[in-house]
Amino acid sequence: MEHIVGVADMKVSNRNGDTIVTYSLGSCIGLAIYDPKVKVGGMLHYMLPNSAIDPEKAKNNPFMFADTGIPELFAQLYALGAEKTRIKVFVAGGSEIMEQEGIFNLGRQNYSALMQILNKNNVSIWKQAVGGYSNRTIKMEIASGNIYLKTSGLGEVQL
């Protein structure tokens, strides 16, 4: 079964037949985490770095923000048996795309928020595709842990 992670959304799975995919990562960040021993994976598609700008929205949808969505993704993966010492972390997005409100470099701010959280918790990134000016799509297969990256104009590659 394919699980689609929308904007400000998250999905986790431990079912071998599942795939998790998120589309159109521009300035948003797609965070994919996989534990190969227990075959548990999850993906978060967050759009803003800090929930302090709208605590009510963060309460209703923690997946909208890095500082509330990332801890929730880890918590749900750990609840399914994932362990920090075994996980593979893949990051995509963070492009420099001008938002409708005229905010520049939101992609860099989103990536910086991610790095602060990961560094604080001693979590390393396995691979990443961030920055630039392209939209990206990422897909993860739960059975194998294979991650596929599709970049606008460049096609899809398996990582």
N, C-alpha and C. Protein backbone atom coordinates (compact mmCIF):
# COMPACT_ATOMS: atom_id res chain seq x y z
N MET A 1 0.85 -1.18 0.00
CA MET A 1 0.00 0.00 0.00
C MET A 1 0.89 1.24 0.00
N GLU A 2 0.50 2.22 -0.80
CA GLU A 2 1.25 3.47 -0.83
C GLU A 2 0.60 4.48 0.11
N HIS A 3 1.43 5.05 0.98
CA HIS A 3 0.99 6.10 1.90
C HIS A 3 1.56 7.42 1.41
N ILE A 4 0.70 8.36 1.14
CA ILE A 4 1.14 9.67 0.66
C ILE A 4 1.19 10.63 1.84
N VAL A 5 2.35 11.27 1.98
CA VAL A 5 2.57 12.26 3.02
C VAL A 5 2.35 13.62 2.37
N GLY A 6 1.28 14.28 2.77
CA GLY A 6 1.00 15.60 2.23
C GLY A 6 1.85 16.66 2.92
N VAL A 7 1.63 17.90 2.53
CA VAL A 7 2.32 19.01 3.19
C VAL A 7 1.82 19.09 4.62
N ALA A 8 2.74 19.27 5.56
CA ALA A 8 2.42 19.31 6.99
C ALA A 8 1.77 18.00 7.44
N ASP A 9 2.42 16.90 7.05
CA ASP A 9 1.88 15.57 7.31
C ASP A 9 3.02 14.62 7.65
N MET A 10 2.67 13.46 8.20
CA MET A 10 3.65 12.44 8.55
C MET A 10 3.01 11.07 8.47
N LYS A 11 3.80 10.08 8.07
CA LYS A 11 3.34 8.69 8.06
C LYS A 11 4.49 7.81 8.55
N VAL A 12 4.15 6.73 9.27
CA VAL A 12 5.12 5.71 9.68
C VAL A 12 4.52 4.35 9.35
N SER A 13 5.40 3.36 9.15
CA SER A 13 4.91 2.02 8.85
C SER A 13 5.96 0.97 9.21
N ASN A 14 5.46 -0.21 9.52
CA ASN A 14 6.32 -1.39 9.70
C ASN A 14 5.77 -2.56 8.88
N ARG A 15 5.00 -2.26 7.84
CA ARG A 15 4.42 -3.29 6.98
C ARG A 15 5.25 -3.44 5.70
N ASN A 16 5.70 -4.66 5.44
CA ASN A 16 6.61 -4.91 4.32
C ASN A 16 6.10 -4.46 2.96
N GLY A 17 4.81 -4.52 2.72
CA GLY A 17 4.27 -4.14 1.41
C GLY A 17 4.07 -2.65 1.22
N ASP A 18 4.37 -1.86 2.23
CA ASP A 18 4.10 -0.42 2.18
C ASP A 18 5.23 0.38 1.54
N THR A 19 4.83 1.47 0.91
CA THR A 19 5.76 2.53 0.51
C THR A 19 5.22 3.83 1.07
N ILE A 20 6.13 4.74 1.35
CA ILE A 20 5.75 6.06 1.83
C ILE A 20 6.36 7.07 0.87
N VAL A 21 5.56 8.03 0.41
CA VAL A 21 6.03 8.99 -0.58
C VAL A 21 5.53 10.39 -0.23
N THR A 22 6.37 11.38 -0.52
CA THR A 22 5.94 12.77 -0.42
C THR A 22 6.40 13.50 -1.67
N TYR A 23 5.54 14.38 -2.15
CA TYR A 23 5.74 15.07 -3.42
C TYR A 23 6.02 16.55 -3.21
N SER A 24 6.61 17.14 -4.24
CA SER A 24 6.74 18.60 -4.37
C SER A 24 7.41 19.27 -3.18
N LEU A 25 8.55 18.74 -2.77
CA LEU A 25 9.33 19.40 -1.73
C LEU A 25 10.07 20.58 -2.35
N GLY A 26 9.62 21.76 -2.03
CA GLY A 26 10.31 22.98 -2.46
C GLY A 26 11.10 23.50 -1.27
N SER A 27 10.60 24.55 -0.65
CA SER A 27 11.27 25.06 0.55
C SER A 27 10.98 24.18 1.76
N CYS A 28 9.96 23.33 1.67
CA CYS A 28 9.67 22.38 2.74
C CYS A 28 10.79 21.35 2.84
N ILE A 29 10.82 20.66 3.97
CA ILE A 29 11.79 19.58 4.17
C ILE A 29 11.05 18.26 4.26
N GLY A 30 11.57 17.26 3.55
CA GLY A 30 11.12 15.89 3.68
C GLY A 30 12.17 15.12 4.46
N LEU A 31 11.77 14.58 5.59
CA LEU A 31 12.67 13.83 6.46
C LEU A 31 12.21 12.37 6.45
N ALA A 32 13.08 11.49 5.95
CA ALA A 32 12.77 10.06 5.88
C ALA A 32 13.73 9.32 6.81
N ILE A 33 13.18 8.47 7.66
CA ILE A 33 14.00 7.72 8.63
C ILE A 33 13.63 6.25 8.52
N TYR A 34 14.67 5.39 8.55
CA TYR A 34 14.46 3.95 8.40
C TYR A 34 15.38 3.18 9.34
N ASP A 35 14.83 2.17 10.00
CA ASP A 35 15.62 1.25 10.81
C ASP A 35 15.62 -0.09 10.10
N PRO A 36 16.78 -0.51 9.54
CA PRO A 36 16.83 -1.74 8.74
C PRO A 36 16.63 -3.02 9.55
N LYS A 37 16.94 -3.01 10.82
CA LYS A 37 16.81 -4.25 11.61
C LYS A 37 15.34 -4.62 11.82
N VAL A 38 14.53 -3.64 12.20
CA VAL A 38 13.11 -3.92 12.47
C VAL A 38 12.20 -3.53 11.31
N LYS A 39 12.80 -3.00 10.23
CA LYS A 39 12.06 -2.61 9.02
C LYS A 39 10.90 -1.68 9.34
N VAL A 40 11.27 -0.60 9.99
CA VAL A 40 10.33 0.46 10.35
C VAL A 40 10.80 1.74 9.68
N GLY A 41 9.86 2.44 9.06
CA GLY A 41 10.22 3.70 8.42
C GLY A 41 9.14 4.75 8.61
N GLY A 42 9.56 5.97 8.44
CA GLY A 42 8.61 7.07 8.54
C GLY A 42 9.09 8.27 7.76
N MET A 43 8.14 9.15 7.45
CA MET A 43 8.47 10.33 6.68
C MET A 43 7.63 11.51 7.16
N LEU A 44 8.29 12.64 7.25
CA LEU A 44 7.67 13.90 7.65
C LEU A 44 7.88 14.92 6.54
N HIS A 45 6.84 15.71 6.25
CA HIS A 45 6.93 16.80 5.27
C HIS A 45 6.51 18.07 6.01
N TYR A 46 7.50 18.78 6.55
CA TYR A 46 7.16 20.00 7.29
C TYR A 46 7.46 21.24 6.47
N MET A 47 6.74 22.32 6.78
CA MET A 47 6.83 23.51 5.96
C MET A 47 7.44 24.73 6.63
N LEU A 48 7.50 24.74 7.97
CA LEU A 48 8.02 25.91 8.68
C LEU A 48 8.97 25.48 9.80
N PRO A 49 9.96 26.31 10.11
CA PRO A 49 10.97 25.90 11.08
C PRO A 49 10.54 25.94 12.54
N ASN A 50 9.68 26.88 12.92
CA ASN A 50 9.46 27.11 14.35
C ASN A 50 7.99 27.34 14.66
N SER A 51 7.46 26.56 15.57
CA SER A 51 6.05 26.64 15.93
C SER A 51 5.69 27.88 16.75
N ALA A 52 6.68 28.62 17.21
CA ALA A 52 6.40 29.81 18.01
C ALA A 52 5.60 30.86 17.23
N ILE A 53 5.64 30.79 15.91
CA ILE A 53 4.89 31.78 15.13
C ILE A 53 3.38 31.55 15.20
N ASP A 54 2.97 30.32 15.51
CA ASP A 54 1.55 30.02 15.62
C ASP A 54 1.34 28.78 16.50
N PRO A 55 1.42 28.94 17.82
CA PRO A 55 1.29 27.80 18.73
C PRO A 55 -0.04 27.04 18.57
N GLU A 56 -1.11 27.72 18.21
CA GLU A 56 -2.39 27.05 18.04
C GLU A 56 -2.35 26.09 16.85
N LYS A 57 -1.75 26.54 15.73
CA LYS A 57 -1.60 25.66 14.57
C LYS A 57 -0.71 24.47 14.92
N ALA A 58 0.34 24.71 15.69
CA ALA A 58 1.26 23.64 16.08
C ALA A 58 0.55 22.61 16.95
N LYS A 59 -0.35 23.10 17.79
CA LYS A 59 -1.12 22.19 18.65
C LYS A 59 -2.04 21.30 17.80
N ASN A 60 -2.69 21.91 16.80
CA ASN A 60 -3.62 21.18 15.93
C ASN A 60 -2.91 20.32 14.89
N ASN A 61 -1.72 20.75 14.45
CA ASN A 61 -0.96 20.00 13.45
C ASN A 61 0.53 20.16 13.71
N PRO A 62 1.09 19.32 14.57
CA PRO A 62 2.52 19.44 14.88
C PRO A 62 3.43 19.17 13.67
N PHE A 63 2.89 18.51 12.63
CA PHE A 63 3.71 18.16 11.48
C PHE A 63 3.98 19.35 10.56
N MET A 64 3.38 20.48 10.83
CA MET A 64 3.61 21.68 10.04
C MET A 64 4.98 22.29 10.33
N PHE A 65 5.51 22.04 11.53
CA PHE A 65 6.72 22.72 12.00
C PHE A 65 7.84 21.74 12.33
N ALA A 66 9.07 22.15 12.11
CA ALA A 66 10.24 21.31 12.42
C ALA A 66 10.30 20.97 13.90
N ASP A 67 10.15 21.97 14.75
CA ASP A 67 10.38 21.76 16.19
C ASP A 67 9.31 20.91 16.87
N THR A 68 8.17 20.73 16.24
CA THR A 68 7.13 19.87 16.80
C THR A 68 6.98 18.57 16.00
N GLY A 69 7.19 18.63 14.69
CA GLY A 69 7.02 17.44 13.85
C GLY A 69 8.16 16.45 13.96
N ILE A 70 9.39 16.93 14.01
CA ILE A 70 10.54 16.02 14.06
C ILE A 70 10.52 15.16 15.32
N PRO A 71 10.32 15.74 16.51
CA PRO A 71 10.26 14.87 17.70
C PRO A 71 9.12 13.85 17.64
N GLU A 72 8.00 14.22 17.05
CA GLU A 72 6.87 13.30 16.93
C GLU A 72 7.20 12.15 15.99
N LEU A 73 7.88 12.43 14.89
CA LEU A 73 8.30 11.37 13.97
C LEU A 73 9.21 10.38 14.69
N PHE A 74 10.21 10.87 15.40
CA PHE A 74 11.10 9.98 16.14
C PHE A 74 10.33 9.18 17.18
N ALA A 75 9.44 9.81 17.91
CA ALA A 75 8.67 9.12 18.95
C ALA A 75 7.85 7.98 18.36
N GLN A 76 7.20 8.22 17.23
CA GLN A 76 6.39 7.16 16.64
C GLN A 76 7.24 6.02 16.08
N LEU A 77 8.41 6.34 15.54
CA LEU A 77 9.30 5.29 15.06
C LEU A 77 9.86 4.46 16.21
N TYR A 78 10.24 5.13 17.30
CA TYR A 78 10.74 4.41 18.47
C TYR A 78 9.65 3.52 19.06
N ALA A 79 8.41 3.97 19.02
CA ALA A 79 7.29 3.17 19.54
C ALA A 79 7.10 1.88 18.72
N LEU A 80 7.55 1.90 17.46
CA LEU A 80 7.45 0.71 16.60
C LEU A 80 8.74 -0.13 16.63
N GLY A 81 9.68 0.22 17.50
CA GLY A 81 10.88 -0.59 17.68
C GLY A 81 12.16 -0.05 17.08
N ALA A 82 12.11 1.08 16.42
CA ALA A 82 13.33 1.67 15.86
C ALA A 82 14.25 2.10 16.99
N GLU A 83 15.54 2.07 16.72
CA GLU A 83 16.54 2.53 17.69
C GLU A 83 17.47 3.53 17.03
N LYS A 84 17.83 4.56 17.78
CA LYS A 84 18.65 5.65 17.27
C LYS A 84 19.97 5.16 16.70
N THR A 85 20.57 4.14 17.29
CA THR A 85 21.88 3.66 16.84
C THR A 85 21.83 2.96 15.48
N ARG A 86 20.63 2.59 15.01
CA ARG A 86 20.52 1.85 13.75
C ARG A 86 19.89 2.65 12.61
N ILE A 87 19.31 3.77 12.89
CA ILE A 87 18.52 4.46 11.86
C ILE A 87 19.38 5.09 10.77
N LYS A 88 18.75 5.15 9.59
CA LYS A 88 19.31 5.88 8.46
C LYS A 88 18.39 7.09 8.24
N VAL A 89 19.00 8.26 8.15
CA VAL A 89 18.24 9.50 8.01
C VAL A 89 18.54 10.10 6.64
N PHE A 90 17.48 10.36 5.89
CA PHE A 90 17.61 11.01 4.59
C PHE A 90 16.79 12.29 4.60
N VAL A 91 17.36 13.35 4.02
CA VAL A 91 16.72 14.66 4.01
C VAL A 91 16.68 15.19 2.58
N ALA A 92 15.53 15.75 2.18
CA ALA A 92 15.41 16.38 0.87
C ALA A 92 14.56 17.64 1.01
N GLY A 93 14.76 18.55 0.07
CA GLY A 93 13.99 19.80 0.05
C GLY A 93 14.86 20.99 0.39
N GLY A 94 14.26 21.96 1.05
CA GLY A 94 15.00 23.15 1.46
C GLY A 94 15.46 24.01 0.30
N SER A 95 14.72 23.97 -0.80
CA SER A 95 15.08 24.78 -1.96
C SER A 95 14.80 26.25 -1.70
N GLU A 96 15.45 27.08 -2.48
CA GLU A 96 15.24 28.52 -2.36
C GLU A 96 14.14 28.93 -3.32
N ILE A 97 12.93 28.83 -2.83
CA ILE A 97 11.77 29.17 -3.65
C ILE A 97 11.03 30.28 -2.93
N MET A 98 10.72 31.34 -3.66
CA MET A 98 10.01 32.46 -3.04
C MET A 98 8.58 32.06 -2.75
N GLU A 99 8.17 32.17 -1.51
CA GLU A 99 6.81 31.85 -1.11
C GLU A 99 5.86 32.98 -1.49
N GLN A 100 4.57 32.71 -1.50
CA GLN A 100 3.58 33.71 -1.86
C GLN A 100 3.66 34.94 -0.96
N GLU A 101 4.03 34.75 0.29
CA GLU A 101 4.11 35.87 1.22
C GLU A 101 5.38 36.69 1.03
N GLY A 102 6.26 36.26 0.11
CA GLY A 102 7.49 37.01 -0.14
C GLY A 102 8.62 36.66 0.79
N ILE A 103 8.55 35.53 1.47
CA ILE A 103 9.61 35.13 2.37
C ILE A 103 10.72 34.48 1.55
N PHE A 104 11.94 34.94 1.75
CA PHE A 104 13.08 34.36 1.05
C PHE A 104 13.86 33.45 1.98
N ASN A 105 14.51 32.48 1.38
CA ASN A 105 15.38 31.56 2.10
C ASN A 105 14.67 30.74 3.16
N LEU A 106 13.40 30.51 3.00
CA LEU A 106 12.67 29.67 3.94
C LEU A 106 13.24 28.26 3.94
N GLY A 107 13.69 27.81 2.78
CA GLY A 107 14.31 26.49 2.68
C GLY A 107 15.53 26.37 3.58
N ARG A 108 16.36 27.40 3.59
CA ARG A 108 17.55 27.39 4.46
C ARG A 108 17.15 27.41 5.93
N GLN A 109 16.13 28.17 6.25
CA GLN A 109 15.66 28.23 7.64
C GLN A 109 15.12 26.87 8.08
N ASN A 110 14.38 26.21 7.20
CA ASN A 110 13.85 24.87 7.50
C ASN A 110 14.99 23.87 7.72
N TYR A 111 16.00 23.93 6.87
CA TYR A 111 17.14 23.03 7.00
C TYR A 111 17.94 23.32 8.28
N SER A 112 18.12 24.58 8.57
CA SER A 112 18.84 24.96 9.79
C SER A 112 18.13 24.46 11.04
N ALA A 113 16.81 24.56 11.06
CA ALA A 113 16.03 24.06 12.21
C ALA A 113 16.22 22.56 12.36
N LEU A 114 16.21 21.83 11.25
CA LEU A 114 16.43 20.39 11.28
C LEU A 114 17.81 20.07 11.85
N MET A 115 18.82 20.75 11.35
CA MET A 115 20.18 20.47 11.79
C MET A 115 20.37 20.75 13.28
N GLN A 116 19.75 21.80 13.78
CA GLN A 116 19.83 22.09 15.21
C GLN A 116 19.24 20.95 16.04
N ILE A 117 18.10 20.44 15.61
CA ILE A 117 17.45 19.35 16.35
C ILE A 117 18.27 18.07 16.26
N LEU A 118 18.74 17.73 15.07
CA LEU A 118 19.53 16.51 14.91
C LEU A 118 20.85 16.59 15.69
N ASN A 119 21.53 17.72 15.58
CA ASN A 119 22.80 17.88 16.30
C ASN A 119 22.61 17.80 17.81
N LYS A 120 21.56 18.44 18.30
CA LYS A 120 21.28 18.41 19.75
C LYS A 120 21.06 16.98 20.24
N ASN A 121 20.52 16.13 19.36
CA ASN A 121 20.20 14.75 19.73
C ASN A 121 21.21 13.73 19.20
N ASN A 122 22.35 14.22 18.71
CA ASN A 122 23.42 13.34 18.20
C ASN A 122 22.94 12.36 17.14
N VAL A 123 22.18 12.89 16.18
CA VAL A 123 21.69 12.08 15.06
C VAL A 123 22.36 12.60 13.79
N SER A 124 22.93 11.69 13.02
CA SER A 124 23.62 12.05 11.78
C SER A 124 22.73 11.78 10.57
N ILE A 125 22.97 12.54 9.53
CA ILE A 125 22.28 12.35 8.26
C ILE A 125 23.07 11.35 7.42
N TRP A 126 22.38 10.36 6.87
CA TRP A 126 22.98 9.36 6.00
C TRP A 126 23.24 9.96 4.62
N LYS A 127 22.20 10.53 4.01
CA LYS A 127 22.30 11.19 2.72
C LYS A 127 21.30 12.34 2.68
N GLN A 128 21.59 13.30 1.80
CA GLN A 128 20.68 14.44 1.67
C GLN A 128 20.73 15.04 0.27
N ALA A 129 19.65 15.70 -0.08
CA ALA A 129 19.55 16.46 -1.33
C ALA A 129 18.78 17.73 -0.98
N VAL A 130 19.51 18.76 -0.59
CA VAL A 130 18.88 19.99 -0.11
C VAL A 130 19.42 21.21 -0.86
N GLY A 131 18.63 22.27 -0.80
CA GLY A 131 19.03 23.53 -1.41
C GLY A 131 18.72 23.55 -2.90
N GLY A 132 19.33 24.48 -3.56
CA GLY A 132 19.11 24.64 -4.99
C GLY A 132 17.77 25.28 -5.27
N TYR A 133 17.25 25.01 -6.47
CA TYR A 133 16.02 25.66 -6.92
C TYR A 133 14.99 24.68 -7.46
N SER A 134 15.17 23.39 -7.19
CA SER A 134 14.30 22.36 -7.76
C SER A 134 13.35 21.77 -6.74
N ASN A 135 12.21 21.32 -7.24
CA ASN A 135 11.29 20.53 -6.42
C ASN A 135 11.76 19.08 -6.42
N ARG A 136 11.48 18.39 -5.32
CA ARG A 136 11.89 17.00 -5.19
C ARG A 136 10.75 16.14 -4.65
N THR A 137 10.82 14.85 -4.98
CA THR A 137 9.90 13.85 -4.44
C THR A 137 10.75 12.74 -3.86
N ILE A 138 10.34 12.21 -2.69
CA ILE A 138 11.06 11.08 -2.12
C ILE A 138 10.07 9.95 -1.82
N LYS A 139 10.58 8.73 -2.03
CA LYS A 139 9.78 7.53 -1.79
C LYS A 139 10.64 6.53 -1.02
N MET A 140 10.02 5.85 -0.06
CA MET A 140 10.71 4.85 0.75
C MET A 140 9.93 3.55 0.71
N GLU A 141 10.63 2.43 0.46
CA GLU A 141 10.03 1.10 0.52
C GLU A 141 10.32 0.52 1.90
N ILE A 142 9.29 0.12 2.60
CA ILE A 142 9.47 -0.39 3.97
C ILE A 142 10.19 -1.74 3.98
N ALA A 143 9.90 -2.62 3.07
CA ALA A 143 10.52 -3.96 3.07
C ALA A 143 12.03 -3.90 2.91
N SER A 144 12.51 -3.00 2.05
CA SER A 144 13.93 -2.95 1.73
C SER A 144 14.66 -1.76 2.34
N GLY A 145 13.92 -0.72 2.64
CA GLY A 145 14.55 0.53 3.08
C GLY A 145 15.07 1.36 1.93
N ASN A 146 14.84 0.89 0.69
CA ASN A 146 15.29 1.67 -0.46
C ASN A 146 14.60 3.02 -0.49
N ILE A 147 15.40 4.04 -0.81
CA ILE A 147 14.87 5.39 -0.93
C ILE A 147 15.14 5.87 -2.35
N TYR A 148 14.12 6.46 -2.96
CA TYR A 148 14.20 6.98 -4.31
C TYR A 148 13.99 8.48 -4.26
N LEU A 149 14.81 9.19 -5.01
CA LEU A 149 14.75 10.65 -5.08
C LEU A 149 14.46 11.04 -6.52
N LYS A 150 13.41 11.84 -6.70
CA LYS A 150 13.09 12.38 -8.02
C LYS A 150 13.24 13.89 -7.94
N THR A 151 14.09 14.42 -8.79
CA THR A 151 14.34 15.86 -8.84
C THR A 151 13.80 16.40 -10.16
N SER A 152 13.07 17.52 -10.10
CA SER A 152 12.50 18.12 -11.31
C SER A 152 13.59 18.28 -12.37
N GLY A 153 13.32 17.75 -13.55
CA GLY A 153 14.23 17.87 -14.67
C GLY A 153 15.36 16.85 -14.69
N LEU A 154 15.52 16.07 -13.63
CA LEU A 154 16.63 15.10 -13.57
C LEU A 154 16.18 13.65 -13.47
N GLY A 155 14.90 13.43 -13.26
CA GLY A 155 14.41 12.05 -13.14
C GLY A 155 14.59 11.49 -11.75
N GLU A 156 14.39 10.16 -11.65
CA GLU A 156 14.43 9.48 -10.36
C GLU A 156 15.68 8.60 -10.23
N VAL A 157 16.28 8.59 -9.04
CA VAL A 157 17.42 7.73 -8.75
C VAL A 157 17.18 7.02 -7.43
N GLN A 158 17.73 5.80 -7.34
CA GLN A 158 17.71 5.09 -6.06
C GLN A 158 18.97 5.45 -5.30
N LEU A 159 18.80 5.74 -4.03
CA LEU A 159 19.96 6.11 -3.20
C LEU A 159 20.56 4.90 -2.52
